[in-house]
């Protein structure tokens, strides 16, 4: 999240698109059969004491999922994002 984005373990991830502060799209190598999948997100907190949130953004397709994070009402980059998709 913070700095240059990088894939730590690919598991069907071809690339990550940095859409702006706290806003990323995870692009799948192989499209999922349909959009009937579940997404789990977690992260490593940036600074101690932050009130953080993470949510699925506008893109929820067979080829990509958008993840957005923030602090209160402002988008915020976090140190590490973990996104898992279950089908």
PDB file of N, CA and C in Angstrom:
ATOM      1  N   UNK A   1       0.792  -1.202   0.000  1.00  0.00           N
ATOM      2  CA  UNK A   1       0.000   0.000   0.000  1.00  0.00           C
ATOM      3  C   UNK A   1       0.830   1.260   0.000  1.00  0.00           C
ATOM      4  N   UNK A   2       1.640   1.443   1.009  1.00  0.00           N
ATOM      5  CA  UNK A   2       2.468   2.648   1.083  1.00  0.00           C
ATOM      6  C   UNK A   2       3.645   2.513   0.126  1.00  0.00           C
ATOM      7  N   UNK A   3       3.954   3.566  -0.621  1.00  0.00           N
ATOM      8  CA  UNK A   3       5.059   3.511  -1.588  1.00  0.00           C
ATOM      9  C   UNK A   3       4.640   2.803  -2.857  1.00  0.00           C
ATOM     10  N   UNK A   4       5.577   2.072  -3.455  1.00  0.00           N
ATOM     11  CA  UNK A   4       5.310   1.341  -4.686  1.00  0.00           C
ATOM     12  C   UNK A   4       4.594   0.038  -4.360  1.00  0.00           C
ATOM     13  N   UNK A   5       3.456  -0.213  -4.995  1.00  0.00           N
ATOM     14  CA  UNK A   5       2.715  -1.443  -4.722  1.00  0.00           C
ATOM     15  C   UNK A   5       3.430  -2.636  -5.329  1.00  0.00           C
ATOM     16  N   UNK A   6       3.325  -3.777  -4.642  1.00  0.00           N
ATOM     17  CA  UNK A   6       3.955  -4.999  -5.113  1.00  0.00           C
ATOM     18  C   UNK A   6       3.114  -6.187  -4.687  1.00  0.00           C
ATOM     19  N   UNK A   7       3.118  -7.226  -5.507  1.00  0.00           N
ATOM     20  CA  UNK A   7       2.414  -8.462  -5.199  1.00  0.00           C
ATOM     21  C   UNK A   7       3.334  -9.319  -4.338  1.00  0.00           C
ATOM     22  N   UNK A   8       2.871  -9.703  -3.160  1.00  0.00           N
ATOM     23  CA  UNK A   8       3.683 -10.511  -2.250  1.00  0.00           C
ATOM     24  C   UNK A   8       3.540 -12.004  -2.546  1.00  0.00           C
ATOM     25  N   UNK A   9       2.364 -12.453  -2.909  1.00  0.00           N
ATOM     26  CA  UNK A   9       2.097 -13.835  -3.288  1.00  0.00           C
ATOM     27  C   UNK A   9       0.978 -13.778  -4.326  1.00  0.00           C
ATOM     28  N   UNK A  10       1.248 -14.248  -5.534  1.00  0.00           N
ATOM     29  CA  UNK A  10       0.346 -13.963  -6.643  1.00  0.00           C
ATOM     30  C   UNK A  10      -1.002 -14.673  -6.579  1.00  0.00           C
ATOM     31  N   UNK A  11      -1.065 -15.960  -6.329  1.00  0.00           N
ATOM     32  CA  UNK A  11      -2.328 -16.678  -6.215  1.00  0.00           C
ATOM     33  C   UNK A  11      -3.423 -16.182  -7.147  1.00  0.00           C
ATOM     34  N   UNK A  12      -3.204 -16.169  -8.438  1.00  0.00           N
ATOM     35  CA  UNK A  12      -4.139 -15.729  -9.473  1.00  0.00           C
ATOM     36  C   UNK A  12      -4.245 -14.207  -9.584  1.00  0.00           C
ATOM     37  N   UNK A  13      -3.231 -13.492  -9.121  1.00  0.00           N
ATOM     38  CA  UNK A  13      -3.191 -12.038  -9.284  1.00  0.00           C
ATOM     39  C   UNK A  13      -2.142 -11.707 -10.336  1.00  0.00           C
ATOM     40  N   UNK A  14      -2.579 -11.044 -11.410  1.00  0.00           N
ATOM     41  CA  UNK A  14      -1.641 -10.678 -12.473  1.00  0.00           C
ATOM     42  C   UNK A  14      -0.984  -9.330 -12.204  1.00  0.00           C
ATOM     43  N   UNK A  15      -1.749  -8.407 -11.594  1.00  0.00           N
ATOM     44  CA  UNK A  15      -1.217  -7.080 -11.322  1.00  0.00           C
ATOM     45  C   UNK A  15      -2.103  -6.357 -10.323  1.00  0.00           C
ATOM     46  N   UNK A  16      -1.572  -5.259  -9.799  1.00  0.00           N
ATOM     47  CA  UNK A  16      -2.328  -4.383  -8.908  1.00  0.00           C
ATOM     48  C   UNK A  16      -2.276  -2.988  -9.515  1.00  0.00           C
ATOM     49  N   UNK A  17      -3.423  -2.359  -9.648  1.00  0.00           N
ATOM     50  CA  UNK A  17      -3.485  -0.998 -10.172  1.00  0.00           C
ATOM     51  C   UNK A  17      -3.676  -0.042  -9.007  1.00  0.00           C
ATOM     52  N   UNK A  18      -2.778   0.944  -8.898  1.00  0.00           N
ATOM     53  CA  UNK A  18      -2.879   1.973  -7.864  1.00  0.00           C
ATOM     54  C   UNK A  18      -3.744   3.090  -8.433  1.00  0.00           C
ATOM     55  N   UNK A  19      -4.994   3.183  -7.965  1.00  0.00           N
ATOM     56  CA  UNK A  19      -5.947   4.170  -8.475  1.00  0.00           C
ATOM     57  C   UNK A  19      -5.846   5.515  -7.772  1.00  0.00           C
ATOM     58  N   UNK A  20      -5.029   5.593  -6.741  1.00  0.00           N
ATOM     59  CA  UNK A  20      -4.911   6.808  -5.936  1.00  0.00           C
ATOM     60  C   UNK A  20      -4.751   6.424  -4.484  1.00  0.00           C
ATOM     61  N   UNK A  21      -4.757   7.389  -3.606  1.00  0.00           N
ATOM     62  CA  UNK A  21      -4.541   7.138  -2.182  1.00  0.00           C
ATOM     63  C   UNK A  21      -5.590   6.173  -1.633  1.00  0.00           C
ATOM     64  N   UNK A  22      -5.123   5.040  -1.092  1.00  0.00           N
ATOM     65  CA  UNK A  22      -5.998   4.068  -0.472  1.00  0.00           C
ATOM     66  C   UNK A  22      -6.974   3.380  -1.406  1.00  0.00           C
ATOM     67  N   UNK A  23      -6.693   3.351  -2.696  1.00  0.00           N
ATOM     68  CA  UNK A  23      -7.626   2.816  -3.690  1.00  0.00           C
ATOM     69  C   UNK A  23      -6.854   1.949  -4.685  1.00  0.00           C
ATOM     70  N   UNK A  24      -7.123   0.643  -4.657  1.00  0.00           N
ATOM     71  CA  UNK A  24      -6.386  -0.303  -5.489  1.00  0.00           C
ATOM     72  C   UNK A  24      -7.331  -1.257  -6.202  1.00  0.00           C
ATOM     73  N   UNK A  25      -6.930  -1.691  -7.385  1.00  0.00           N
ATOM     74  CA  UNK A  25      -7.653  -2.733  -8.100  1.00  0.00           C
ATOM     75  C   UNK A  25      -6.738  -3.933  -8.222  1.00  0.00           C
ATOM     76  N   UNK A  26      -7.228  -5.093  -7.783  1.00  0.00           N
ATOM     77  CA  UNK A  26      -6.497  -6.353  -7.884  1.00  0.00           C
ATOM     78  C   UNK A  26      -7.009  -7.051  -9.140  1.00  0.00           C
ATOM     79  N   UNK A  27      -6.119  -7.252 -10.109  1.00  0.00           N
ATOM     80  CA  UNK A  27      -6.479  -7.858 -11.396  1.00  0.00           C
ATOM     81  C   UNK A  27      -6.134  -9.345 -11.383  1.00  0.00           C
ATOM     82  N   UNK A  28      -7.087 -10.187 -11.776  1.00  0.00           N
ATOM     83  CA  UNK A  28      -6.895 -11.628 -11.752  1.00  0.00           C
ATOM     84  C   UNK A  28      -6.205 -12.119 -13.021  1.00  0.00           C
ATOM     85  N   UNK A  29      -5.322 -13.100 -12.857  1.00  0.00           N
ATOM     86  CA  UNK A  29      -4.645 -13.722 -13.999  1.00  0.00           C
ATOM     87  C   UNK A  29      -5.651 -14.471 -14.854  1.00  0.00           C
ATOM     88  N   UNK A  30      -6.449 -15.322 -14.215  1.00  0.00           N
ATOM     89  CA  UNK A  30      -7.500 -16.085 -14.874  1.00  0.00           C
ATOM     90  C   UNK A  30      -8.831 -15.615 -14.318  1.00  0.00           C
ATOM     91  N   UNK A  31      -9.735 -15.248 -15.193  1.00  0.00           N
ATOM     92  CA  UNK A  31     -11.043 -14.758 -14.749  1.00  0.00           C
ATOM     93  C   UNK A  31     -11.760 -15.824 -13.919  1.00  0.00           C
ATOM     94  N   UNK A  32     -12.488 -15.362 -12.924  1.00  0.00           N
ATOM     95  CA  UNK A  32     -13.305 -16.243 -12.100  1.00  0.00           C
ATOM     96  C   UNK A  32     -14.586 -16.541 -12.887  1.00  0.00           C
ATOM     97  N   UNK A  33     -15.180 -17.719 -12.664  1.00  0.00           N
ATOM     98  CA  UNK A  33     -16.351 -18.159 -13.441  1.00  0.00           C
ATOM     99  C   UNK A  33     -17.496 -17.149 -13.457  1.00  0.00           C
ATOM    100  N   UNK A  34     -17.762 -16.523 -12.307  1.00  0.00           N
ATOM    101  CA  UNK A  34     -18.845 -15.549 -12.191  1.00  0.00           C
ATOM    102  C   UNK A  34     -18.550 -14.662 -10.985  1.00  0.00           C
ATOM    103  N   UNK A  35     -19.432 -13.747 -10.672  1.00  0.00           N
ATOM    104  CA  UNK A  35     -19.198 -12.827  -9.555  1.00  0.00           C
ATOM    105  C   UNK A  35     -19.757 -13.352  -8.229  1.00  0.00           C
ATOM    106  N   UNK A  36     -20.083 -14.625  -8.180  1.00  0.00           N
ATOM    107  CA  UNK A  36     -20.591 -15.228  -6.949  1.00  0.00           C
ATOM    108  C   UNK A  36     -19.430 -15.701  -6.084  1.00  0.00           C
ATOM    109  N   UNK A  37     -18.563 -14.778  -5.704  1.00  0.00           N
ATOM    110  CA  UNK A  37     -17.425 -15.095  -4.856  1.00  0.00           C
ATOM    111  C   UNK A  37     -17.413 -14.173  -3.640  1.00  0.00           C
ATOM    112  N   UNK A  38     -16.707 -14.619  -2.613  1.00  0.00           N
ATOM    113  CA  UNK A  38     -16.576 -13.839  -1.386  1.00  0.00           C
ATOM    114  C   UNK A  38     -15.177 -13.250  -1.318  1.00  0.00           C
ATOM    115  N   UNK A  39     -15.076 -12.069  -0.742  1.00  0.00           N
ATOM    116  CA  UNK A  39     -13.795 -11.384  -0.615  1.00  0.00           C
ATOM    117  C   UNK A  39     -13.533 -11.112   0.858  1.00  0.00           C
ATOM    118  N   UNK A  40     -12.323 -11.415   1.298  1.00  0.00           N
ATOM    119  CA  UNK A  40     -11.898 -11.114   2.654  1.00  0.00           C
ATOM    120  C   UNK A  40     -10.710 -10.155   2.555  1.00  0.00           C
ATOM    121  N   UNK A  41     -10.752  -9.071   3.305  1.00  0.00           N
ATOM    122  CA  UNK A  41      -9.641  -8.117   3.302  1.00  0.00           C
ATOM    123  C   UNK A  41      -9.159  -7.884   4.724  1.00  0.00           C
ATOM    124  N   UNK A  42      -7.885  -7.694   4.848  1.00  0.00           N
ATOM    125  CA  UNK A  42      -7.283  -7.294   6.112  1.00  0.00           C
ATOM    126  C   UNK A  42      -6.033  -6.500   5.778  1.00  0.00           C
ATOM    127  N   UNK A  43      -5.471  -5.849   6.767  1.00  0.00           N
ATOM    128  CA  UNK A  43      -4.308  -5.017   6.489  1.00  0.00           C
ATOM    129  C   UNK A  43      -3.422  -4.888   7.712  1.00  0.00           C
ATOM    130  N   UNK A  44      -2.221  -4.419   7.468  1.00  0.00           N
ATOM    131  CA  UNK A  44      -1.329  -4.027   8.553  1.00  0.00           C
ATOM    132  C   UNK A  44      -1.549  -2.539   8.743  1.00  0.00           C
ATOM    133  N   UNK A  45      -1.852  -2.155   9.946  1.00  0.00           N
ATOM    134  CA  UNK A  45      -2.152  -0.755  10.267  1.00  0.00           C
ATOM    135  C   UNK A  45      -0.935   0.123  10.011  1.00  0.00           C
ATOM    136  N   UNK A  46      -1.171   1.320   9.464  1.00  0.00           N
ATOM    137  CA  UNK A  46      -0.091   2.266   9.209  1.00  0.00           C
ATOM    138  C   UNK A  46       0.479   2.836  10.484  1.00  0.00           C
ATOM    139  N   UNK A  47      -0.221   3.721  11.148  1.00  0.00           N
ATOM    140  CA  UNK A  47       0.238   4.344  12.384  1.00  0.00           C
ATOM    141  C   UNK A  47      -0.650   3.893  13.537  1.00  0.00           C
ATOM    142  N   UNK A  48      -0.056   3.725  14.694  1.00  0.00           N
ATOM    143  CA  UNK A  48      -0.809   3.272  15.872  1.00  0.00           C
ATOM    144  C   UNK A  48      -1.955   4.226  16.184  1.00  0.00           C
ATOM    145  N   UNK A  49      -3.085   3.654  16.544  1.00  0.00           N
ATOM    146  CA  UNK A  49      -4.219   4.451  16.972  1.00  0.00           C
ATOM    147  C   UNK A  49      -5.119   4.962  15.868  1.00  0.00           C
ATOM    148  N   UNK A  50      -4.862   4.605  14.612  1.00  0.00           N
ATOM    149  CA  UNK A  50      -5.729   5.055  13.526  1.00  0.00           C
ATOM    150  C   UNK A  50      -7.054   4.310  13.558  1.00  0.00           C
ATOM    151  N   UNK A  51      -8.140   5.026  13.306  1.00  0.00           N
ATOM    152  CA  UNK A  51      -9.451   4.394  13.135  1.00  0.00           C
ATOM    153  C   UNK A  51      -9.593   4.085  11.653  1.00  0.00           C
ATOM    154  N   UNK A  52      -9.380   2.839  11.272  1.00  0.00           N
ATOM    155  CA  UNK A  52      -9.306   2.473   9.857  1.00  0.00           C
ATOM    156  C   UNK A  52     -10.521   1.689   9.397  1.00  0.00           C
ATOM    157  N   UNK A  53     -10.780   1.762   8.094  1.00  0.00           N
ATOM    158  CA  UNK A  53     -11.807   0.949   7.459  1.00  0.00           C
ATOM    159  C   UNK A  53     -11.282   0.474   6.104  1.00  0.00           C
ATOM    160  N   UNK A  54     -11.812  -0.647   5.638  1.00  0.00           N
ATOM    161  CA  UNK A  54     -11.535  -1.182   4.303  1.00  0.00           C
ATOM    162  C   UNK A  54     -12.854  -1.631   3.723  1.00  0.00           C
ATOM    163  N   UNK A  55     -13.014  -1.432   2.414  1.00  0.00           N
ATOM    164  CA  UNK A  55     -14.244  -1.863   1.761  1.00  0.00           C
ATOM    165  C   UNK A  55     -13.964  -2.231   0.318  1.00  0.00           C
ATOM    166  N   UNK A  56     -14.938  -2.898  -0.279  1.00  0.00           N
ATOM    167  CA  UNK A  56     -14.880  -3.204  -1.699  1.00  0.00           C
ATOM    168  C   UNK A  56     -15.329  -1.949  -2.431  1.00  0.00           C
ATOM    169  N   UNK A  57     -14.563  -1.557  -3.451  1.00  0.00           N
ATOM    170  CA  UNK A  57     -14.896  -0.362  -4.220  1.00  0.00           C
ATOM    171  C   UNK A  57     -15.877  -0.666  -5.341  1.00  0.00           C
ATOM    172  N   UNK A  58     -15.848   0.133  -6.383  1.00  0.00           N
ATOM    173  CA  UNK A  58     -16.797   0.015  -7.485  1.00  0.00           C
ATOM    174  C   UNK A  58     -16.605  -1.195  -8.370  1.00  0.00           C
ATOM    175  N   UNK A  59     -15.363  -1.679  -8.528  1.00  0.00           N
ATOM    176  CA  UNK A  59     -15.113  -2.813  -9.419  1.00  0.00           C
ATOM    177  C   UNK A  59     -15.257  -4.122  -8.661  1.00  0.00           C
ATOM    178  N   UNK A  60     -16.185  -4.948  -9.097  1.00  0.00           N
ATOM    179  CA  UNK A  60     -16.404  -6.279  -8.535  1.00  0.00           C
ATOM    180  C   UNK A  60     -16.810  -7.141  -9.720  1.00  0.00           C
ATOM    181  N   UNK A  61     -15.802  -7.658 -10.421  1.00  0.00           N
ATOM    182  CA  UNK A  61     -16.084  -8.373 -11.660  1.00  0.00           C
ATOM    183  C   UNK A  61     -15.371  -9.717 -11.676  1.00  0.00           C
ATOM    184  N   UNK A  62     -15.520 -10.451 -12.762  1.00  0.00           N
ATOM    185  CA  UNK A  62     -14.849 -11.741 -12.889  1.00  0.00           C
ATOM    186  C   UNK A  62     -13.352 -11.585 -13.128  1.00  0.00           C
ATOM    187  N   UNK A  63     -12.914 -10.375 -13.496  1.00  0.00           N
ATOM    188  CA  UNK A  63     -11.503 -10.176 -13.799  1.00  0.00           C
ATOM    189  C   UNK A  63     -10.757  -9.281 -12.815  1.00  0.00           C
ATOM    190  N   UNK A  64     -11.485  -8.627 -11.875  1.00  0.00           N
ATOM    191  CA  UNK A  64     -10.816  -7.724 -10.940  1.00  0.00           C
ATOM    192  C   UNK A  64     -11.713  -7.375  -9.754  1.00  0.00           C
ATOM    193  N   UNK A  65     -11.082  -6.947  -8.666  1.00  0.00           N
ATOM    194  CA  UNK A  65     -11.796  -6.465  -7.486  1.00  0.00           C
ATOM    195  C   UNK A  65     -11.098  -5.197  -6.990  1.00  0.00           C
ATOM    196  N   UNK A  66     -11.870  -4.195  -6.656  1.00  0.00           N
ATOM    197  CA  UNK A  66     -11.319  -2.928  -6.168  1.00  0.00           C
ATOM    198  C   UNK A  66     -11.425  -2.895  -4.645  1.00  0.00           C
ATOM    199  N   UNK A  67     -10.337  -2.480  -3.984  1.00  0.00           N
ATOM    200  CA  UNK A  67     -10.285  -2.386  -2.529  1.00  0.00           C
ATOM    201  C   UNK A  67      -9.929  -0.955  -2.162  1.00  0.00           C
ATOM    202  N   UNK A  68     -10.698  -0.370  -1.235  1.00  0.00           N
ATOM    203  CA  UNK A  68     -10.487   1.011  -0.814  1.00  0.00           C
ATOM    204  C   UNK A  68     -10.330   1.024   0.706  1.00  0.00           C
ATOM    205  N   UNK A  69      -9.391   1.839   1.209  1.00  0.00           N
ATOM    206  CA  UNK A  69      -9.181   1.928   2.654  1.00  0.00           C
ATOM    207  C   UNK A  69      -9.083   3.383   3.075  1.00  0.00           C
ATOM    208  N   UNK A  70      -9.367   3.620   4.349  1.00  0.00           N
ATOM    209  CA  UNK A  70      -9.307   4.994   4.816  1.00  0.00           C
ATOM    210  C   UNK A  70      -9.241   5.127   6.321  1.00  0.00           C
ATOM    211  N   UNK A  71      -9.122   6.364   6.735  1.00  0.00           N
ATOM    212  CA  UNK A  71      -9.081   6.756   8.136  1.00  0.00           C
ATOM    213  C   UNK A  71     -10.179   7.788   8.312  1.00  0.00           C
ATOM    214  N   UNK A  72     -11.215   7.431   9.086  1.00  0.00           N
ATOM    215  CA  UNK A  72     -12.405   8.264   9.211  1.00  0.00           C
ATOM    216  C   UNK A  72     -13.039   8.427   7.836  1.00  0.00           C
ATOM    217  N   UNK A  73     -13.141   9.628   7.282  1.00  0.00           N
ATOM    218  CA  UNK A  73     -13.785   9.814   5.979  1.00  0.00           C
ATOM    219  C   UNK A  73     -12.784  10.088   4.856  1.00  0.00           C
ATOM    220  N   UNK A  74     -11.501   9.875   5.121  1.00  0.00           N
ATOM    221  CA  UNK A  74     -10.446  10.178   4.142  1.00  0.00           C
ATOM    222  C   UNK A  74      -9.747   8.891   3.709  1.00  0.00           C
ATOM    223  N   UNK A  75      -9.593   8.692   2.398  1.00  0.00           N
ATOM    224  CA  UNK A  75      -8.837   7.541   1.910  1.00  0.00           C
ATOM    225  C   UNK A  75      -7.405   7.619   2.425  1.00  0.00           C
ATOM    226  N   UNK A  76      -6.875   6.464   2.852  1.00  0.00           N
ATOM    227  CA  UNK A  76      -5.545   6.391   3.440  1.00  0.00           C
ATOM    228  C   UNK A  76      -4.835   5.148   2.931  1.00  0.00           C
ATOM    229  N   UNK A  77      -3.550   5.290   2.563  1.00  0.00           N
ATOM    230  CA  UNK A  77      -2.735   4.126   2.226  1.00  0.00           C
ATOM    231  C   UNK A  77      -2.345   3.408   3.514  1.00  0.00           C
ATOM    232  N   UNK A  78      -2.370   2.084   3.476  1.00  0.00           N
ATOM    233  CA  UNK A  78      -1.934   1.272   4.591  1.00  0.00           C
ATOM    234  C   UNK A  78      -0.651   0.557   4.198  1.00  0.00           C
ATOM    235  N   UNK A  79       0.098   0.046   5.171  1.00  0.00           N
ATOM    236  CA  UNK A  79       1.381  -0.593   4.872  1.00  0.00           C
ATOM    237  C   UNK A  79       1.226  -1.870   4.050  1.00  0.00           C
ATOM    238  N   UNK A  80       0.329  -2.749   4.493  1.00  0.00           N
ATOM    239  CA  UNK A  80       0.142  -4.040   3.824  1.00  0.00           C
ATOM    240  C   UNK A  80      -1.350  -4.336   3.716  1.00  0.00           C
ATOM    241  N   UNK A  81      -1.776  -4.763   2.532  1.00  0.00           N
ATOM    242  CA  UNK A  81      -3.149  -5.219   2.299  1.00  0.00           C
ATOM    243  C   UNK A  81      -3.100  -6.717   2.038  1.00  0.00           C
ATOM    244  N   UNK A  82      -4.065  -7.434   2.561  1.00  0.00           N
ATOM    245  CA  UNK A  82      -4.218  -8.847   2.237  1.00  0.00           C
ATOM    246  C   UNK A  82      -5.643  -9.020   1.713  1.00  0.00           C
ATOM    247  N   UNK A  83      -5.752  -9.515   0.491  1.00  0.00           N
ATOM    248  CA  UNK A  83      -7.056  -9.718  -0.143  1.00  0.00           C
ATOM    249  C   UNK A  83      -7.151 -11.174  -0.546  1.00  0.00           C
ATOM    250  N   UNK A  84      -8.185 -11.853  -0.063  1.00  0.00           N
ATOM    251  CA  UNK A  84      -8.405 -13.247  -0.451  1.00  0.00           C
ATOM    252  C   UNK A  84      -9.782 -13.361  -1.078  1.00  0.00           C
ATOM    253  N   UNK A  85      -9.859 -14.192  -2.114  1.00  0.00           N
ATOM    254  CA  UNK A  85     -11.117 -14.393  -2.834  1.00  0.00           C
ATOM    255  C   UNK A  85     -11.449 -15.880  -2.740  1.00  0.00           C
ATOM    256  N   UNK A  86     -12.692 -16.174  -2.336  1.00  0.00           N
ATOM    257  CA  UNK A  86     -13.160 -17.549  -2.196  1.00  0.00           C
ATOM    258  C   UNK A  86     -14.322 -17.788  -3.145  1.00  0.00           C
ATOM    259  N   UNK A  87     -14.223 -18.831  -3.913  1.00  0.00           N
ATOM    260  CA  UNK A  87     -15.299 -19.188  -4.857  1.00  0.00           C
ATOM    261  C   UNK A  87     -15.719 -20.594  -4.591  1.00  0.00           C
TER     262      UNK A  87
END
